[in-house]
Amino acid sequence: MNANAQNAFRFATPFAENGGEARALAA
């Protein structure tokens, strides 16, 4: 799993409506 995906999962919340929002939150 690449770093972007790992960070998206690490900081995931149920409020992200899509993968892009999960990545943006992590960033």
mmCIF file of all heavy atoms, coordinates in Angstrom:
data_MODEL
# 
_entry.id   MODEL 
# 
loop_
_atom_site.group_PDB 
_atom_site.id 
_atom_site.type_symbol 
_atom_site.label_atom_id 
_atom_site.label_alt_id 
_atom_site.label_comp_id 
_atom_site.label_asym_id 
_atom_site.label_entity_id 
_atom_site.label_seq_id 
_atom_site.pdbx_PDB_ins_code 
_atom_site.Cartn_x 
_atom_site.Cartn_y 
_atom_site.Cartn_z 
_atom_site.occupancy 
_atom_site.B_iso_or_equiv 
_atom_site.pdbx_formal_charge 
_atom_site.auth_seq_id 
_atom_site.auth_comp_id 
_atom_site.auth_asym_id 
_atom_site.auth_atom_id 
_atom_site.pdbx_PDB_model_num 
ATOM 1   N N   . MET A 1 1  ? 0.857   -1.171 0.000  1.00 0.00 ? 1  MET A N   1 
ATOM 2   C CA  . MET A 1 1  ? 0.000   0.000  0.000  1.00 0.00 ? 1  MET A CA  1 
ATOM 3   C C   . MET A 1 1  ? 0.903   1.234  0.000  1.00 0.00 ? 1  MET A C   1 
ATOM 4   O O   . MET A 1 1  ? 1.842   1.316  0.778  1.00 0.00 ? 1  MET A O   1 
ATOM 5   C CB  . MET A 1 1  ? -0.893  -0.031 1.243  1.00 0.00 ? 1  MET A CB  1 
ATOM 6   C CG  . MET A 1 1  ? -1.873  1.114  1.298  1.00 0.00 ? 1  MET A CG  1 
ATOM 7   S SD  . MET A 1 1  ? -2.958  1.121  2.754  1.00 0.00 ? 1  MET A SD  1 
ATOM 8   C CE  . MET A 1 1  ? -3.688  -0.472 2.741  1.00 0.00 ? 1  MET A CE  1 
ATOM 9   N N   . ASN A 1 2  ? 0.597   2.207  -0.872 1.00 0.00 ? 2  ASN A N   1 
ATOM 10  C CA  . ASN A 1 2  ? 1.452   3.394  -0.946 1.00 0.00 ? 2  ASN A CA  1 
ATOM 11  C C   . ASN A 1 2  ? 1.184   4.337  0.228  1.00 0.00 ? 2  ASN A C   1 
ATOM 12  O O   . ASN A 1 2  ? 0.206   4.203  0.955  1.00 0.00 ? 2  ASN A O   1 
ATOM 13  C CB  . ASN A 1 2  ? 1.312   4.097  -2.303 1.00 0.00 ? 2  ASN A CB  1 
ATOM 14  C CG  . ASN A 1 2  ? -0.005  4.802  -2.486 1.00 0.00 ? 2  ASN A CG  1 
ATOM 15  O OD1 . ASN A 1 2  ? -0.613  5.265  -1.533 1.00 0.00 ? 2  ASN A OD1 1 
ATOM 16  N ND2 . ASN A 1 2  ? -0.447  4.898  -3.722 1.00 0.00 ? 2  ASN A ND2 1 
ATOM 17  N N   . ALA A 1 3  ? 2.076   5.316  0.389  1.00 0.00 ? 3  ALA A N   1 
ATOM 18  C CA  . ALA A 1 3  ? 2.001   6.232  1.532  1.00 0.00 ? 3  ALA A CA  1 
ATOM 19  C C   . ALA A 1 3  ? 0.705   7.042  1.538  1.00 0.00 ? 3  ALA A C   1 
ATOM 20  O O   . ALA A 1 3  ? 0.126   7.284  2.600  1.00 0.00 ? 3  ALA A O   1 
ATOM 21  C CB  . ALA A 1 3  ? 3.210   7.156  1.542  1.00 0.00 ? 3  ALA A CB  1 
ATOM 22  N N   . ASN A 1 4  ? 0.235   7.481  0.360  1.00 0.00 ? 4  ASN A N   1 
ATOM 23  C CA  . ASN A 1 4  ? -1.008  8.254  0.306  1.00 0.00 ? 4  ASN A CA  1 
ATOM 24  C C   . ASN A 1 4  ? -2.181  7.441  0.838  1.00 0.00 ? 4  ASN A C   1 
ATOM 25  O O   . ASN A 1 4  ? -2.995  7.937  1.617  1.00 0.00 ? 4  ASN A O   1 
ATOM 26  C CB  . ASN A 1 4  ? -1.315  8.713  -1.129 1.00 0.00 ? 4  ASN A CB  1 
ATOM 27  C CG  . ASN A 1 4  ? -0.404  9.817  -1.584 1.00 0.00 ? 4  ASN A CG  1 
ATOM 28  O OD1 . ASN A 1 4  ? 0.082   10.607 -0.787 1.00 0.00 ? 4  ASN A OD1 1 
ATOM 29  N ND2 . ASN A 1 4  ? -0.166  9.876  -2.877 1.00 0.00 ? 4  ASN A ND2 1 
ATOM 30  N N   . ALA A 1 5  ? -2.263  6.198  0.422  1.00 0.00 ? 5  ALA A N   1 
ATOM 31  C CA  . ALA A 1 5  ? -3.356  5.337  0.880  1.00 0.00 ? 5  ALA A CA  1 
ATOM 32  C C   . ALA A 1 5  ? -3.233  5.054  2.371  1.00 0.00 ? 5  ALA A C   1 
ATOM 33  O O   . ALA A 1 5  ? -4.230  5.074  3.099  1.00 0.00 ? 5  ALA A O   1 
ATOM 34  C CB  . ALA A 1 5  ? -3.367  4.035  0.090  1.00 0.00 ? 5  ALA A CB  1 
ATOM 35  N N   . GLN A 1 6  ? -2.006  4.814  2.838  1.00 0.00 ? 6  GLN A N   1 
ATOM 36  C CA  . GLN A 1 6  ? -1.810  4.558  4.265  1.00 0.00 ? 6  GLN A CA  1 
ATOM 37  C C   . GLN A 1 6  ? -2.254  5.755  5.106  1.00 0.00 ? 6  GLN A C   1 
ATOM 38  O O   . GLN A 1 6  ? -2.907  5.584  6.133  1.00 0.00 ? 6  GLN A O   1 
ATOM 39  C CB  . GLN A 1 6  ? -0.343  4.234  4.544  1.00 0.00 ? 6  GLN A CB  1 
ATOM 40  C CG  . GLN A 1 6  ? 0.058   2.867  4.055  1.00 0.00 ? 6  GLN A CG  1 
ATOM 41  C CD  . GLN A 1 6  ? 1.545   2.602  4.257  1.00 0.00 ? 6  GLN A CD  1 
ATOM 42  O OE1 . GLN A 1 6  ? 2.331   3.521  4.476  1.00 0.00 ? 6  GLN A OE1 1 
ATOM 43  N NE2 . GLN A 1 6  ? 1.918   1.348  4.157  1.00 0.00 ? 6  GLN A NE2 1 
ATOM 44  N N   . ASN A 1 7  ? -1.902  6.952  4.665  1.00 0.00 ? 7  ASN A N   1 
ATOM 45  C CA  . ASN A 1 7  ? -2.295  8.144  5.416  1.00 0.00 ? 7  ASN A CA  1 
ATOM 46  C C   . ASN A 1 7  ? -3.801  8.374  5.366  1.00 0.00 ? 7  ASN A C   1 
ATOM 47  O O   . ASN A 1 7  ? -4.398  8.795  6.360  1.00 0.00 ? 7  ASN A O   1 
ATOM 48  C CB  . ASN A 1 7  ? -1.546  9.380  4.901  1.00 0.00 ? 7  ASN A CB  1 
ATOM 49  C CG  . ASN A 1 7  ? -0.113  9.373  5.363  1.00 0.00 ? 7  ASN A CG  1 
ATOM 50  O OD1 . ASN A 1 7  ? 0.208   8.930  6.454  1.00 0.00 ? 7  ASN A OD1 1 
ATOM 51  N ND2 . ASN A 1 7  ? 0.766   9.860  4.518  1.00 0.00 ? 7  ASN A ND2 1 
ATOM 52  N N   . ALA A 1 8  ? -4.412  8.103  4.228  1.00 0.00 ? 8  ALA A N   1 
ATOM 53  C CA  . ALA A 1 8  ? -5.865  8.255  4.131  1.00 0.00 ? 8  ALA A CA  1 
ATOM 54  C C   . ALA A 1 8  ? -6.559  7.326  5.119  1.00 0.00 ? 8  ALA A C   1 
ATOM 55  O O   . ALA A 1 8  ? -7.500  7.720  5.812  1.00 0.00 ? 8  ALA A O   1 
ATOM 56  C CB  . ALA A 1 8  ? -6.336  7.981  2.705  1.00 0.00 ? 8  ALA A CB  1 
ATOM 57  N N   . PHE A 1 9  ? -6.070  6.090  5.233  1.00 0.00 ? 9  PHE A N   1 
ATOM 58  C CA  . PHE A 1 9  ? -6.654  5.151  6.201  1.00 0.00 ? 9  PHE A CA  1 
ATOM 59  C C   . PHE A 1 9  ? -6.337  5.565  7.635  1.00 0.00 ? 9  PHE A C   1 
ATOM 60  O O   . PHE A 1 9  ? -7.177  5.479  8.520  1.00 0.00 ? 9  PHE A O   1 
ATOM 61  C CB  . PHE A 1 9  ? -6.155  3.728  5.948  1.00 0.00 ? 9  PHE A CB  1 
ATOM 62  C CG  . PHE A 1 9  ? -6.826  3.060  4.797  1.00 0.00 ? 9  PHE A CG  1 
ATOM 63  C CD1 . PHE A 1 9  ? -6.100  2.674  3.688  1.00 0.00 ? 9  PHE A CD1 1 
ATOM 64  C CD2 . PHE A 1 9  ? -8.197  2.814  4.812  1.00 0.00 ? 9  PHE A CD2 1 
ATOM 65  C CE1 . PHE A 1 9  ? -6.719  2.060  2.612  1.00 0.00 ? 9  PHE A CE1 1 
ATOM 66  C CE2 . PHE A 1 9  ? -8.825  2.201  3.738  1.00 0.00 ? 9  PHE A CE2 1 
ATOM 67  C CZ  . PHE A 1 9  ? -8.080  1.822  2.641  1.00 0.00 ? 9  PHE A CZ  1 
ATOM 68  N N   . ARG A 1 10 ? -5.130  6.041  7.846  1.00 0.00 ? 10 ARG A N   1 
ATOM 69  C CA  . ARG A 1 10 ? -4.691  6.427  9.190  1.00 0.00 ? 10 ARG A CA  1 
ATOM 70  C C   . ARG A 1 10 ? -5.557  7.539  9.779  1.00 0.00 ? 10 ARG A C   1 
ATOM 71  O O   . ARG A 1 10 ? -5.872  7.534  10.958 1.00 0.00 ? 10 ARG A O   1 
ATOM 72  C CB  . ARG A 1 10 ? -3.227  6.863  9.115  1.00 0.00 ? 10 ARG A CB  1 
ATOM 73  C CG  . ARG A 1 10 ? -2.612  7.240  10.419 1.00 0.00 ? 10 ARG A CG  1 
ATOM 74  C CD  . ARG A 1 10 ? -1.125  7.466  10.213 1.00 0.00 ? 10 ARG A CD  1 
ATOM 75  N NE  . ARG A 1 10 ? -0.628  8.397  11.192 1.00 0.00 ? 10 ARG A NE  1 
ATOM 76  C CZ  . ARG A 1 10 ? 0.394   9.189  11.012 1.00 0.00 ? 10 ARG A CZ  1 
ATOM 77  N NH1 . ARG A 1 10 ? 1.045   9.177  9.860  1.00 0.00 ? 10 ARG A NH1 1 
ATOM 78  N NH2 . ARG A 1 10 ? 0.798   9.992  11.952 1.00 0.00 ? 10 ARG A NH2 1 
ATOM 79  N N   . PHE A 1 11 ? -5.947  8.501  8.942  1.00 0.00 ? 11 PHE A N   1 
ATOM 80  C CA  . PHE A 1 11 ? -6.714  9.646  9.418  1.00 0.00 ? 11 PHE A CA  1 
ATOM 81  C C   . PHE A 1 11 ? -8.186  9.588  8.998  1.00 0.00 ? 11 PHE A C   1 
ATOM 82  O O   . PHE A 1 11 ? -8.903  10.574 9.107  1.00 0.00 ? 11 PHE A O   1 
ATOM 83  C CB  . PHE A 1 11 ? -6.093  10.947 8.902  1.00 0.00 ? 11 PHE A CB  1 
ATOM 84  C CG  . PHE A 1 11 ? -4.685  11.163 9.375  1.00 0.00 ? 11 PHE A CG  1 
ATOM 85  C CD1 . PHE A 1 11 ? -3.631  11.122 8.491  1.00 0.00 ? 11 PHE A CD1 1 
ATOM 86  C CD2 . PHE A 1 11 ? -4.418  11.401 10.718 1.00 0.00 ? 11 PHE A CD2 1 
ATOM 87  C CE1 . PHE A 1 11 ? -2.329  11.328 8.925  1.00 0.00 ? 11 PHE A CE1 1 
ATOM 88  C CE2 . PHE A 1 11 ? -3.117  11.611 11.164 1.00 0.00 ? 11 PHE A CE2 1 
ATOM 89  C CZ  . PHE A 1 11 ? -2.066  11.566 10.263 1.00 0.00 ? 11 PHE A CZ  1 
ATOM 90  N N   . ALA A 1 12 ? -8.625  8.437  8.538  1.00 0.00 ? 12 ALA A N   1 
ATOM 91  C CA  . ALA A 1 12 ? -9.993  8.314  8.024  1.00 0.00 ? 12 ALA A CA  1 
ATOM 92  C C   . ALA A 1 12 ? -11.037 8.629  9.088  1.00 0.00 ? 12 ALA A C   1 
ATOM 93  O O   . ALA A 1 12 ? -10.853 8.334  10.267 1.00 0.00 ? 12 ALA A O   1 
ATOM 94  C CB  . ALA A 1 12 ? -10.219 6.908  7.479  1.00 0.00 ? 12 ALA A CB  1 
ATOM 95  N N   . THR A 1 13 ? -12.110 9.247  8.640  1.00 0.00 ? 13 THR A N   1 
ATOM 96  C CA  . THR A 1 13 ? -13.271 9.497  9.485  1.00 0.00 ? 13 THR A CA  1 
ATOM 97  C C   . THR A 1 13 ? -14.499 9.055  8.697  1.00 0.00 ? 13 THR A C   1 
ATOM 98  O O   . THR A 1 13 ? -14.443 8.942  7.469  1.00 0.00 ? 13 THR A O   1 
ATOM 99  C CB  . THR A 1 13 ? -13.426 10.992 9.835  1.00 0.00 ? 13 THR A CB  1 
ATOM 100 O OG1 . THR A 1 13 ? -13.871 11.697 8.677  1.00 0.00 ? 13 THR A OG1 1 
ATOM 101 C CG2 . THR A 1 13 ? -12.136 11.584 10.366 1.00 0.00 ? 13 THR A CG2 1 
ATOM 102 N N   . PRO A 1 14 ? -15.610 8.849  9.352  1.00 0.00 ? 14 PRO A N   1 
ATOM 103 C CA  . PRO A 1 14 ? -16.817 8.470  8.612  1.00 0.00 ? 14 PRO A CA  1 
ATOM 104 C C   . PRO A 1 14 ? -17.413 9.628  7.819  1.00 0.00 ? 14 PRO A C   1 
ATOM 105 O O   . PRO A 1 14 ? -18.362 9.434  7.073  1.00 0.00 ? 14 PRO A O   1 
ATOM 106 C CB  . PRO A 1 14 ? -17.777 8.012  9.712  1.00 0.00 ? 14 PRO A CB  1 
ATOM 107 C CG  . PRO A 1 14 ? -17.283 8.636  10.960 1.00 0.00 ? 14 PRO A CG  1 
ATOM 108 C CD  . PRO A 1 14 ? -15.801 8.809  10.798 1.00 0.00 ? 14 PRO A CD  1 
ATOM 109 N N   . PHE A 1 15 ? -16.847 10.832 7.950  1.00 0.00 ? 15 PHE A N   1 
ATOM 110 C CA  . PHE A 1 15 ? -17.408 11.999 7.286  1.00 0.00 ? 15 PHE A CA  1 
ATOM 111 C C   . PHE A 1 15 ? -16.844 12.239 5.891  1.00 0.00 ? 15 PHE A C   1 
ATOM 112 O O   . PHE A 1 15 ? -17.399 13.038 5.143  1.00 0.00 ? 15 PHE A O   1 
ATOM 113 C CB  . PHE A 1 15 ? -17.200 13.246 8.146  1.00 0.00 ? 15 PHE A CB  1 
ATOM 114 C CG  . PHE A 1 15 ? -17.832 13.118 9.494  1.00 0.00 ? 15 PHE A CG  1 
ATOM 115 C CD1 . PHE A 1 15 ? -17.055 12.938 10.615 1.00 0.00 ? 15 PHE A CD1 1 
ATOM 116 C CD2 . PHE A 1 15 ? -19.217 13.131 9.638  1.00 0.00 ? 15 PHE A CD2 1 
ATOM 117 C CE1 . PHE A 1 15 ? -17.632 12.796 11.864 1.00 0.00 ? 15 PHE A CE1 1 
ATOM 118 C CE2 . PHE A 1 15 ? -19.800 12.983 10.882 1.00 0.00 ? 15 PHE A CE2 1 
ATOM 119 C CZ  . PHE A 1 15 ? -19.002 12.820 11.997 1.00 0.00 ? 15 PHE A CZ  1 
ATOM 120 N N   . ALA A 1 16 ? -15.746 11.598 5.548  1.00 0.00 ? 16 ALA A N   1 
ATOM 121 C CA  . ALA A 1 16 ? -15.186 11.757 4.203  1.00 0.00 ? 16 ALA A CA  1 
ATOM 122 C C   . ALA A 1 16 ? -16.145 11.112 3.205  1.00 0.00 ? 16 ALA A C   1 
ATOM 123 O O   . ALA A 1 16 ? -16.497 9.942  3.350  1.00 0.00 ? 16 ALA A O   1 
ATOM 124 C CB  . ALA A 1 16 ? -13.808 11.127 4.115  1.00 0.00 ? 16 ALA A CB  1 
ATOM 125 N N   . GLU A 1 17 ? -16.581 11.902 2.228  1.00 0.00 ? 17 GLU A N   1 
ATOM 126 C CA  . GLU A 1 17 ? -17.559 11.375 1.260  1.00 0.00 ? 17 GLU A CA  1 
ATOM 127 C C   . GLU A 1 17 ? -16.919 10.588 0.133  1.00 0.00 ? 17 GLU A C   1 
ATOM 128 O O   . GLU A 1 17 ? -17.613 9.953  -0.648 1.00 0.00 ? 17 GLU A O   1 
ATOM 129 C CB  . GLU A 1 17 ? -18.390 12.523 0.703  1.00 0.00 ? 17 GLU A CB  1 
ATOM 130 C CG  . GLU A 1 17 ? -19.306 13.122 1.754  1.00 0.00 ? 17 GLU A CG  1 
ATOM 131 C CD  . GLU A 1 17 ? -20.277 14.134 1.184  1.00 0.00 ? 17 GLU A CD  1 
ATOM 132 O OE1 . GLU A 1 17 ? -19.996 14.737 0.138  1.00 0.00 ? 17 GLU A OE1 1 
ATOM 133 O OE2 . GLU A 1 17 ? -21.333 14.316 1.813  1.00 0.00 ? 17 GLU A OE2 1 
ATOM 134 N N   . ASN A 1 18 ? -15.590 10.662 0.035  1.00 0.00 ? 18 ASN A N   1 
ATOM 135 C CA  . ASN A 1 18 ? -14.889 9.933  -1.012 1.00 0.00 ? 18 ASN A CA  1 
ATOM 136 C C   . ASN A 1 18 ? -13.410 9.831  -0.641 1.00 0.00 ? 18 ASN A C   1 
ATOM 137 O O   . ASN A 1 18 ? -12.960 10.445 0.341  1.00 0.00 ? 18 ASN A O   1 
ATOM 138 C CB  . ASN A 1 18 ? -15.091 10.609 -2.381 1.00 0.00 ? 18 ASN A CB  1 
ATOM 139 C CG  . ASN A 1 18 ? -14.699 12.070 -2.350 1.00 0.00 ? 18 ASN A CG  1 
ATOM 140 O OD1 . ASN A 1 18 ? -13.579 12.424 -1.982 1.00 0.00 ? 18 ASN A OD1 1 
ATOM 141 N ND2 . ASN A 1 18 ? -15.622 12.943 -2.729 1.00 0.00 ? 18 ASN A ND2 1 
ATOM 142 N N   . GLY A 1 19 ? -12.671 9.087  -1.431 1.00 0.00 ? 19 GLY A N   1 
ATOM 143 C CA  . GLY A 1 19 ? -11.250 8.905  -1.168 1.00 0.00 ? 19 GLY A CA  1 
ATOM 144 C C   . GLY A 1 19 ? -10.456 10.192 -1.239 1.00 0.00 ? 19 GLY A C   1 
ATOM 145 O O   . GLY A 1 19 ? -9.487  10.379 -0.503 1.00 0.00 ? 19 GLY A O   1 
ATOM 146 N N   . GLY A 1 20 ? -10.870 11.097 -2.125 1.00 0.00 ? 20 GLY A N   1 
ATOM 147 C CA  . GLY A 1 20 ? -10.178 12.376 -2.238 1.00 0.00 ? 20 GLY A CA  1 
ATOM 148 C C   . GLY A 1 20 ? -10.280 13.180 -0.954 1.00 0.00 ? 20 GLY A C   1 
ATOM 149 O O   . GLY A 1 20 ? -9.297  13.793 -0.515 1.00 0.00 ? 20 GLY A O   1 
ATOM 150 N N   . GLU A 1 21 ? -11.456 13.184 -0.348 1.00 0.00 ? 21 GLU A N   1 
ATOM 151 C CA  . GLU A 1 21 ? -11.620 13.921 0.909  1.00 0.00 ? 21 GLU A CA  1 
ATOM 152 C C   . GLU A 1 21 ? -10.805 13.280 2.028  1.00 0.00 ? 21 GLU A C   1 
ATOM 153 O O   . GLU A 1 21 ? -10.246 13.980 2.868  1.00 0.00 ? 21 GLU A O   1 
ATOM 154 C CB  . GLU A 1 21 ? -13.094 14.012 1.290  1.00 0.00 ? 21 GLU A CB  1 
ATOM 155 C CG  . GLU A 1 21 ? -13.858 14.973 0.415  1.00 0.00 ? 21 GLU A CG  1 
ATOM 156 C CD  . GLU A 1 21 ? -15.315 15.133 0.826  1.00 0.00 ? 21 GLU A CD  1 
ATOM 157 O OE1 . GLU A 1 21 ? -15.691 14.666 1.936  1.00 0.00 ? 21 GLU A OE1 1 
ATOM 158 O OE2 . GLU A 1 21 ? -16.058 15.734 0.051  1.00 0.00 ? 21 GLU A OE2 1 
ATOM 159 N N   . ALA A 1 22 ? -10.714 11.957 2.039  1.00 0.00 ? 22 ALA A N   1 
ATOM 160 C CA  . ALA A 1 22 ? -9.890  11.279 3.042  1.00 0.00 ? 22 ALA A CA  1 
ATOM 161 C C   . ALA A 1 22 ? -8.422  11.661 2.854  1.00 0.00 ? 22 ALA A C   1 
ATOM 162 O O   . ALA A 1 22 ? -7.711  11.948 3.829  1.00 0.00 ? 22 ALA A O   1 
ATOM 163 C CB  . ALA A 1 22 ? -10.081 9.762  2.944  1.00 0.00 ? 22 ALA A CB  1 
ATOM 164 N N   . ARG A 1 23 ? -7.978  11.706 1.613  1.00 0.00 ? 23 ARG A N   1 
ATOM 165 C CA  . ARG A 1 23 ? -6.583  12.104 1.339  1.00 0.00 ? 23 ARG A CA  1 
ATOM 166 C C   . ARG A 1 23 ? -6.354  13.566 1.706  1.00 0.00 ? 23 ARG A C   1 
ATOM 167 O O   . ARG A 1 23 ? -5.302  13.926 2.236  1.00 0.00 ? 23 ARG A O   1 
ATOM 168 C CB  . ARG A 1 23 ? -6.247  11.880 -0.132 1.00 0.00 ? 23 ARG A CB  1 
ATOM 169 C CG  . ARG A 1 23 ? -6.004  10.418 -0.450 1.00 0.00 ? 23 ARG A CG  1 
ATOM 170 C CD  . ARG A 1 23 ? -5.487  10.197 -1.841 1.00 0.00 ? 23 ARG A CD  1 
ATOM 171 N NE  . ARG A 1 23 ? -4.262  10.939 -2.077 1.00 0.00 ? 23 ARG A NE  1 
ATOM 172 C CZ  . ARG A 1 23 ? -3.830  11.271 -3.288 1.00 0.00 ? 23 ARG A CZ  1 
ATOM 173 N NH1 . ARG A 1 23 ? -4.514  10.918 -4.350 1.00 0.00 ? 23 ARG A NH1 1 
ATOM 174 N NH2 . ARG A 1 23 ? -2.708  11.930 -3.436 1.00 0.00 ? 23 ARG A NH2 1 
ATOM 175 N N   . ALA A 1 24 ? -7.325  14.429 1.422  1.00 0.00 ? 24 ALA A N   1 
ATOM 176 C CA  . ALA A 1 24 ? -7.174  15.848 1.750  1.00 0.00 ? 24 ALA A CA  1 
ATOM 177 C C   . ALA A 1 24 ? -7.090  16.040 3.260  1.00 0.00 ? 24 ALA A C   1 
ATOM 178 O O   . ALA A 1 24 ? -6.256  16.821 3.746  1.00 0.00 ? 24 ALA A O   1 
ATOM 179 C CB  . ALA A 1 24 ? -8.335  16.653 1.174  1.00 0.00 ? 24 ALA A CB  1 
ATOM 180 N N   . LEU A 1 25 ? -7.926  15.338 4.012  1.00 0.00 ? 25 LEU A N   1 
ATOM 181 C CA  . LEU A 1 25 ? -7.872  15.423 5.462  1.00 0.00 ? 25 LEU A CA  1 
ATOM 182 C C   . LEU A 1 25 ? -6.501  14.987 5.960  1.00 0.00 ? 25 LEU A C   1 
ATOM 183 O O   . LEU A 1 25 ? -5.885  15.673 6.785  1.00 0.00 ? 25 LEU A O   1 
ATOM 184 C CB  . LEU A 1 25 ? -8.970  14.563 6.091  1.00 0.00 ? 25 LEU A CB  1 
ATOM 185 C CG  . LEU A 1 25 ? -8.946  14.483 7.621  1.00 0.00 ? 25 LEU A CG  1 
ATOM 186 C CD1 . LEU A 1 25 ? -9.191  15.853 8.237  1.00 0.00 ? 25 LEU A CD1 1 
ATOM 187 C CD2 . LEU A 1 25 ? -9.963  13.467 8.106  1.00 0.00 ? 25 LEU A CD2 1 
ATOM 188 N N   . ALA A 1 26 ? -6.022  13.860 5.460  1.00 0.00 ? 26 ALA A N   1 
ATOM 189 C CA  . ALA A 1 26 ? -4.693  13.375 5.866  1.00 0.00 ? 26 ALA A CA  1 
ATOM 190 C C   . ALA A 1 26 ? -3.625  14.415 5.543  1.00 0.00 ? 26 ALA A C   1 
ATOM 191 O O   . ALA A 1 26 ? -2.747  14.682 6.371  1.00 0.00 ? 26 ALA A O   1 
ATOM 192 C CB  . ALA A 1 26 ? -4.388  12.050 5.172  1.00 0.00 ? 26 ALA A CB  1 
ATOM 193 N N   . ALA A 1 27 ? -3.699  15.020 4.365  1.00 0.00 ? 27 ALA A N   1 
ATOM 194 C CA  . ALA A 1 27 ? -2.690  16.014 3.962  1.00 0.00 ? 27 ALA A CA  1 
ATOM 195 C C   . ALA A 1 27 ? -2.716  17.216 4.898  1.00 0.00 ? 27 ALA A C   1 
ATOM 196 O O   . ALA A 1 27 ? -1.661  17.713 5.315  1.00 0.00 ? 27 ALA A O   1 
ATOM 197 C CB  . ALA A 1 27 ? -2.929  16.448 2.518  1.00 0.00 ? 27 ALA A CB  1 
# 
